[in-house]
Amino acid sequence: MKIAFLGIGLMGKPMAINLLQAGFDVIAWNRTAAKAQALKAAGAQTAATTQQAISQADIIITMLENGPIVDEVLFQQTDSSSFKPGSIVIDMSSIPPDMAKQHGQRFKDLSVGYLDAPVSGGTVGAEQASLSIMAGGDRADFDRCQTIFNAMGKSTYIGPTGAGQLAKCANQAIVGITIGAVSEALLLAAEGGADPVAVREALMGGFASSRILDLHGQRMIDRQFNPGATSRVQLKDLRTILDTASNQNLTLPLAQCTYEQYQELVNKGYEEVDHSGLLLQLEMLNNDKRLNDKATSCPYPDFDGPN
């Protein structure tokens, strides 16, 4: 199968490289053409336009920042006649579930398959081909794409179109809220006189253990906030969660509070820090009390304002 990969960013680049290493023919496209050109050394072809990429492809993968961009790339920049009948679009971006349903219907009218298949695992998971892939859509299309998914991580069939994005909403709610909880727990311990390094180590052996505490807790201690996933994207995902909840007549107070703290962080200019950088907002909220003053290796050393 020939794959058009649209979106060669922090996540898309290693995902496309893993597909190339698995033996797939990949045609890369990115709005910033140089990012796609960088994949030539790994064996990718490149396309100057989305139509050029899609017209050659059996499978079209999108890994773009948000729903409006996905909509623009697939339906405004690209003529519908560019899609081969019988091809499959796999949208691995994080977009609203209702938008995924709309996209699925539009592709059905074109006799094109569609899977909403967002991922979790960050840049580390993308590089290591260990992403968790949450797929919604037709089960036959999902089964047909297994070799593709296996090259990037572990896939789970969630249900009909839109279900993959609902699973991603659930994932991002847990991620965002848990980052907030880890920030508060470590700062509380440190301000009381405990060593946050030892506290994290102790908690990793108990019921509070989590991947967030493991990876992002260490980032907080080291004050390493170069982005794997940005605070701006986490804020976008939390907005999607709250909008989806509202559509279902649900109130999610923890998601709401976490959203407000990320909004404050982004408003202060820290939209490009890693989402574990929510710690910075907590520190500023507490009169700049820091979790760890001893660490010096940090891309945001002063915290007086955005880098």
Protein backbone atom coordinates (compact mmCIF):
# COMPACT_ATOMS: atom_id res chain seq x y z
CA MET A 1 0.00 0.00 0.00
CA LYS A 2 1.19 3.48 -0.84
CA ILE A 3 0.67 5.92 2.01
CA ALA A 4 0.27 9.71 1.83
CA PHE A 5 1.35 11.17 5.17
CA LEU A 6 0.09 14.71 5.73
CA GLY A 7 1.66 16.54 8.65
CA ILE A 8 5.37 16.08 9.36
CA GLY A 9 5.62 17.67 12.80
CA LEU A 10 6.88 16.56 16.22
CA MET A 11 4.68 13.46 16.08
CA GLY A 12 4.26 12.99 12.35
CA LYS A 13 7.95 12.81 11.48
CA PRO A 14 8.85 9.79 13.65
CA MET A 15 5.57 8.07 12.74
CA ALA A 16 6.33 8.45 9.03
CA ILE A 17 9.89 7.22 9.57
CA ASN A 18 8.58 4.09 11.30
CA LEU A 19 6.31 3.41 8.32
CA LEU A 20 9.26 3.77 5.98
CA GLN A 21 11.35 1.42 8.11
CA ALA A 22 8.50 -1.09 7.99
CA GLY A 23 8.77 -1.10 4.19
CA PHE A 24 5.84 1.10 3.18
CA ASP A 25 6.02 3.57 0.33
CA VAL A 26 5.39 6.97 1.92
CA ILE A 27 4.61 10.26 0.18
CA ALA A 28 5.16 13.12 2.63
CA TRP A 29 3.47 16.50 2.59
CA ASN A 30 3.68 19.37 5.06
CA ARG A 31 2.61 22.99 4.95
CA THR A 32 6.26 23.88 5.67
CA ALA A 33 7.76 21.96 2.75
CA ALA A 34 11.23 21.68 4.30
CA LYS A 35 9.86 19.34 6.98
CA ALA A 36 8.64 16.91 4.33
CA GLN A 37 11.87 17.25 2.36
CA ALA A 38 13.79 16.16 5.47
CA LEU A 39 12.23 12.69 5.12
CA LYS A 40 13.83 12.09 1.72
CA ALA A 41 16.94 10.74 3.42
CA ALA A 42 14.78 8.09 5.08
CA GLY A 43 13.34 7.03 1.73
CA ALA A 44 10.17 9.08 1.46
CA GLN A 45 8.82 10.69 -1.66
CA THR A 46 7.53 14.24 -1.26
CA ALA A 47 4.58 16.09 -2.73
CA ALA A 48 4.23 19.81 -3.34
CA THR A 49 0.46 19.73 -2.82
CA THR A 50 -2.03 17.62 -0.91
CA GLN A 51 -3.74 16.66 -4.17
CA GLN A 52 -0.48 15.34 -5.58
CA ALA A 53 0.08 13.22 -2.46
CA ILE A 54 -3.49 11.93 -2.15
CA SER A 55 -4.00 11.05 -5.81
CA GLN A 56 -1.20 8.47 -5.58
CA ALA A 57 -2.23 6.95 -2.26
CA ASP A 58 -4.18 3.90 -1.13
CA ILE A 59 -4.02 5.15 2.46
CA ILE A 60 -4.04 8.81 3.54
CA ILE A 61 -2.84 9.55 7.08
CA THR A 62 -3.32 12.99 8.61
CA MET A 63 -1.37 14.08 11.69
CA LEU A 64 -2.33 17.73 11.99
CA GLU A 65 -2.72 20.12 14.89
CA ASN A 66 -6.49 20.55 15.16
CA GLY A 67 -9.87 19.99 13.58
CA PRO A 68 -10.06 23.18 11.49
CA ILE A 69 -6.67 22.43 9.93
CA VAL A 70 -7.70 18.84 9.16
CA ASP A 71 -10.90 20.16 7.59
CA GLU A 72 -8.98 22.70 5.51
CA VAL A 73 -6.37 20.19 4.29
CA LEU A 74 -8.83 17.42 3.37
CA PHE A 75 -11.78 19.40 2.06
CA GLN A 76 -10.60 22.87 1.04
CA GLN A 77 -7.07 22.40 -0.26
CA THR A 78 -7.92 19.08 -1.91
CA ASP A 79 -10.39 18.34 -4.69
CA SER A 80 -12.65 15.44 -3.75
CA SER A 81 -11.83 13.74 -7.06
CA SER A 82 -8.24 13.30 -5.84
CA PHE A 83 -9.25 10.50 -3.49
CA LYS A 84 -9.20 7.03 -5.04
CA PRO A 85 -12.48 5.13 -4.53
CA GLY A 86 -11.70 2.35 -2.06
CA SER A 87 -8.86 4.24 -0.41
CA ILE A 88 -8.91 4.88 3.34
CA VAL A 89 -8.34 8.11 5.22
CA ILE A 90 -6.87 7.60 8.70
CA ASP A 91 -7.09 10.81 10.72
CA MET A 92 -4.61 10.42 13.58
CA SER A 93 -5.02 14.03 14.68
CA SER A 94 -7.03 14.98 17.77
CA ILE A 95 -10.27 16.61 16.63
CA PRO A 96 -13.80 16.89 18.09
CA PRO A 97 -15.80 13.64 17.91
CA ASP A 98 -18.69 15.38 16.10
CA MET A 99 -16.29 16.64 13.44
CA ALA A 100 -14.96 13.11 12.97
CA LYS A 101 -18.51 11.90 12.38
CA GLN A 102 -19.04 14.62 9.77
CA HIS A 103 -15.80 13.70 8.02
CA GLY A 104 -16.73 10.04 8.04
CA GLN A 105 -20.02 10.76 6.30
CA ARG A 106 -18.37 12.97 3.68
CA PHE A 107 -15.88 10.25 2.81
CA LYS A 108 -18.61 7.62 2.74
CA ASP A 109 -20.34 9.70 0.06
CA LEU A 110 -17.07 9.55 -1.93
CA SER A 111 -16.79 5.75 -1.50
CA VAL A 112 -13.67 6.34 0.61
CA GLY A 113 -13.11 4.62 3.95
CA TYR A 114 -12.47 6.66 7.07
CA LEU A 115 -11.01 5.93 10.51
CA ASP A 116 -10.63 8.45 13.30
CA ALA A 117 -7.54 7.06 15.01
CA PRO A 118 -5.92 9.54 17.41
CA VAL A 119 -2.87 8.47 19.38
CA SER A 120 -1.38 8.71 22.85
CA GLY A 121 2.24 8.31 23.84
CA GLY A 122 3.84 11.61 22.87
CA THR A 123 7.04 12.01 20.91
CA VAL A 124 8.71 9.18 22.83
CA GLY A 125 5.93 6.77 21.82
CA ALA A 126 6.08 8.02 18.23
CA GLU A 127 9.84 7.48 18.07
CA GLN A 128 9.68 4.04 19.69
CA ALA A 129 6.66 2.89 17.64
CA SER A 130 4.80 2.28 20.90
CA LEU A 131 1.86 4.64 20.44
CA SER A 132 -1.58 3.72 21.73
CA ILE A 133 -3.87 4.06 18.71
CA MET A 134 -7.62 4.47 19.39
CA ALA A 135 -9.66 3.81 16.26
CA GLY A 136 -13.26 4.51 15.35
CA GLY A 137 -14.97 3.62 12.08
CA ASP A 138 -15.83 0.54 10.08
CA ARG A 139 -14.34 -2.62 11.57
CA ALA A 140 -13.36 -3.95 8.14
CA ASP A 141 -11.36 -0.78 7.43
CA PHE A 142 -9.68 -1.10 10.84
CA ASP A 143 -8.71 -4.72 10.13
CA ARG A 144 -7.37 -3.76 6.72
CA CYS A 145 -5.04 -1.20 8.30
CA GLN A 146 -3.49 -3.45 10.95
CA THR A 147 -0.05 -3.71 9.32
CA ILE A 148 0.07 0.08 9.16
CA PHE A 149 -0.93 0.50 12.79
CA ASN A 150 1.54 -2.19 13.89
CA ALA A 151 4.38 -0.13 12.44
CA MET A 152 3.50 2.76 14.75
CA GLY A 153 2.21 1.14 17.94
CA LYS A 154 -0.67 -0.86 19.37
CA SER A 155 -4.16 -0.28 17.99
CA THR A 156 -7.51 -0.81 19.68
CA TYR A 157 -10.86 -0.77 17.89
CA ILE A 158 -13.12 1.47 19.95
CA GLY A 159 -16.36 1.52 17.95
CA PRO A 160 -18.14 3.48 15.20
CA THR A 161 -16.91 6.72 13.67
CA GLY A 162 -16.13 9.30 16.36
CA ALA A 163 -15.45 6.69 19.04
CA GLY A 164 -11.69 6.99 18.58
CA GLN A 165 -11.87 10.72 19.29
CA LEU A 166 -14.04 10.07 22.36
CA ALA A 167 -11.33 7.72 23.65
CA LYS A 168 -8.74 10.44 23.03
CA CYS A 169 -10.89 12.90 25.00
CA ALA A 170 -10.90 10.43 27.88
CA ASN A 171 -7.12 10.05 27.56
CA GLN A 172 -6.47 13.78 27.56
CA ALA A 173 -8.76 14.36 30.53
CA ILE A 174 -6.73 11.86 32.55
CA VAL A 175 -3.42 13.26 31.30
CA GLY A 176 -4.23 16.91 31.97
CA ILE A 177 -5.83 16.35 35.36
CA THR A 178 -3.04 14.02 36.47
CA ILE A 179 -0.35 16.50 35.43
CA GLY A 180 -2.10 19.01 37.68
CA ALA A 181 -2.26 16.49 40.53
CA VAL A 182 1.43 15.57 40.22
CA SER A 183 2.40 19.27 40.15
CA GLU A 184 0.43 19.98 43.33
CA ALA A 185 1.64 16.86 45.14
CA LEU A 186 5.33 17.46 44.46
CA LEU A 187 5.18 21.18 45.30
CA LEU A 188 3.27 20.42 48.52
CA ALA A 189 5.91 17.90 49.57
CA ALA A 190 8.82 20.16 48.65
CA GLU A 191 7.42 23.19 50.49
CA GLY A 192 6.98 21.05 53.59
CA GLY A 193 10.67 20.18 53.56
CA ALA A 194 10.64 16.80 51.81
CA ASP A 195 12.97 15.98 48.93
CA PRO A 196 10.73 15.89 45.80
CA VAL A 197 13.13 13.43 44.15
CA ALA A 198 12.69 10.98 47.03
CA VAL A 199 8.94 11.64 47.18
CA ARG A 200 8.52 10.80 43.51
CA GLU A 201 10.59 7.65 43.94
CA ALA A 202 8.49 6.54 46.90
CA LEU A 203 5.20 7.25 45.14
CA MET A 204 6.32 5.27 42.10
CA GLY A 205 6.27 2.16 44.29
CA GLY A 206 2.72 2.70 45.53
CA PHE A 207 -0.87 3.19 44.44
CA ALA A 208 -0.17 6.72 43.11
CA SER A 209 2.25 5.38 40.52
CA SER A 210 1.50 6.42 36.95
CA ARG A 211 3.26 7.14 33.67
CA ILE A 212 2.59 10.84 34.30
CA LEU A 213 4.34 10.69 37.67
CA ASP A 214 7.16 8.71 36.10
CA LEU A 215 7.89 10.81 33.00
CA HIS A 216 6.37 14.22 33.71
CA GLY A 217 7.19 14.13 37.41
CA GLN A 218 10.83 13.74 36.42
CA ARG A 219 10.50 16.59 33.91
CA MET A 220 9.16 18.81 36.69
CA ILE A 221 12.02 17.92 39.01
CA ASP A 222 14.58 18.51 36.26
CA ARG A 223 12.71 21.60 35.03
CA GLN A 224 12.96 20.30 31.48
CA PHE A 225 9.94 21.71 29.66
CA ASN A 226 11.03 21.46 26.05
CA PRO A 227 7.87 20.18 24.36
CA GLY A 228 6.92 16.65 23.64
CA ALA A 229 3.32 17.85 23.65
CA THR A 230 2.74 21.57 24.10
CA SER A 231 0.57 23.30 26.65
CA ARG A 232 -1.24 24.95 23.74
CA VAL A 233 -2.32 21.56 22.37
CA GLN A 234 -3.30 20.29 25.83
CA LEU A 235 -5.46 23.39 26.25
CA LYS A 236 -7.09 22.72 22.87
CA ASP A 237 -7.83 19.12 23.87
CA LEU A 238 -9.34 20.18 27.20
CA ARG A 239 -11.59 22.64 25.33
CA THR A 240 -12.74 19.77 23.11
CA ILE A 241 -13.42 17.66 26.21
CA LEU A 242 -15.54 20.36 27.82
CA ASP A 243 -17.45 21.09 24.60
CA THR A 244 -18.13 17.38 24.10
CA ALA A 245 -19.29 17.05 27.70
CA SER A 246 -21.61 20.03 27.27
CA ASN A 247 -23.13 18.41 24.19
CA GLN A 248 -23.87 15.37 26.35
CA ASN A 249 -25.28 17.47 29.22
CA LEU A 250 -22.35 16.55 31.46
CA THR A 251 -20.48 18.71 33.97
CA LEU A 252 -16.79 17.82 34.44
CA PRO A 253 -15.46 20.00 37.29
CA LEU A 254 -11.92 18.59 37.37
CA ALA A 255 -11.49 19.03 33.62
CA GLN A 256 -12.88 22.56 33.93
CA CYS A 257 -10.43 23.54 36.67
CA THR A 258 -7.50 22.04 34.77
CA TYR A 259 -8.57 23.85 31.60
CA GLU A 260 -8.60 27.17 33.48
CA GLN A 261 -5.06 26.64 34.76
CA TYR A 262 -3.74 25.77 31.30
CA GLN A 263 -5.55 28.84 29.95
CA GLU A 264 -3.70 30.98 32.52
CA LEU A 265 -0.38 29.40 31.54
CA VAL A 266 -0.99 30.03 27.84
CA ASN A 267 -2.21 33.58 28.50
CA LYS A 268 1.14 34.29 30.17
CA GLY A 269 2.96 33.28 27.00
CA TYR A 270 3.98 29.73 27.81
CA GLU A 271 1.97 28.07 25.04
CA GLU A 272 5.01 26.24 23.63
CA VAL A 273 6.28 24.67 26.86
CA ASP A 274 5.61 20.99 27.41
CA HIS A 275 2.23 20.29 29.03
CA SER A 276 4.11 19.16 32.16
CA GLY A 277 4.93 22.87 32.41
CA LEU A 278 1.59 23.34 34.16
CA LEU A 279 3.88 23.28 37.19
CA LEU A 280 4.99 26.79 36.18
CA GLN A 281 1.44 28.10 36.50
CA LEU A 282 1.15 26.48 39.94
CA GLU A 283 4.42 28.09 41.03
CA MET A 284 3.32 31.51 39.80
CA LEU A 285 -0.01 31.05 41.57
CA ASN A 286 1.96 30.46 44.78
CA ASN A 287 4.13 33.58 44.63
CA ASP A 288 6.86 31.90 42.56
CA LYS A 289 7.66 29.17 45.07
CA ARG A 290 9.64 26.65 43.04
CA LEU A 291 9.62 22.91 43.17
CA ASN A 292 13.37 22.71 42.65
CA ASP A 293 15.68 25.72 42.74
CA LYS A 294 18.83 23.66 42.35
CA ALA A 295 18.27 22.49 38.77
CA THR A 296 20.09 24.63 36.20
CA SER A 297 19.56 22.71 32.96
CA CYS A 298 16.35 24.23 31.70
CA PRO A 299 15.22 26.01 28.51
CA TYR A 300 13.14 28.42 30.63
CA PRO A 301 15.59 29.42 33.38
CA ASP A 302 14.05 32.59 34.77
CA PHE A 303 10.29 32.05 34.70
CA ASP A 304 9.74 35.80 34.66
CA GLY A 305 7.93 35.45 31.36
CA PRO A 306 7.94 33.40 28.19
CA ASN A 307 11.31 32.40 26.75
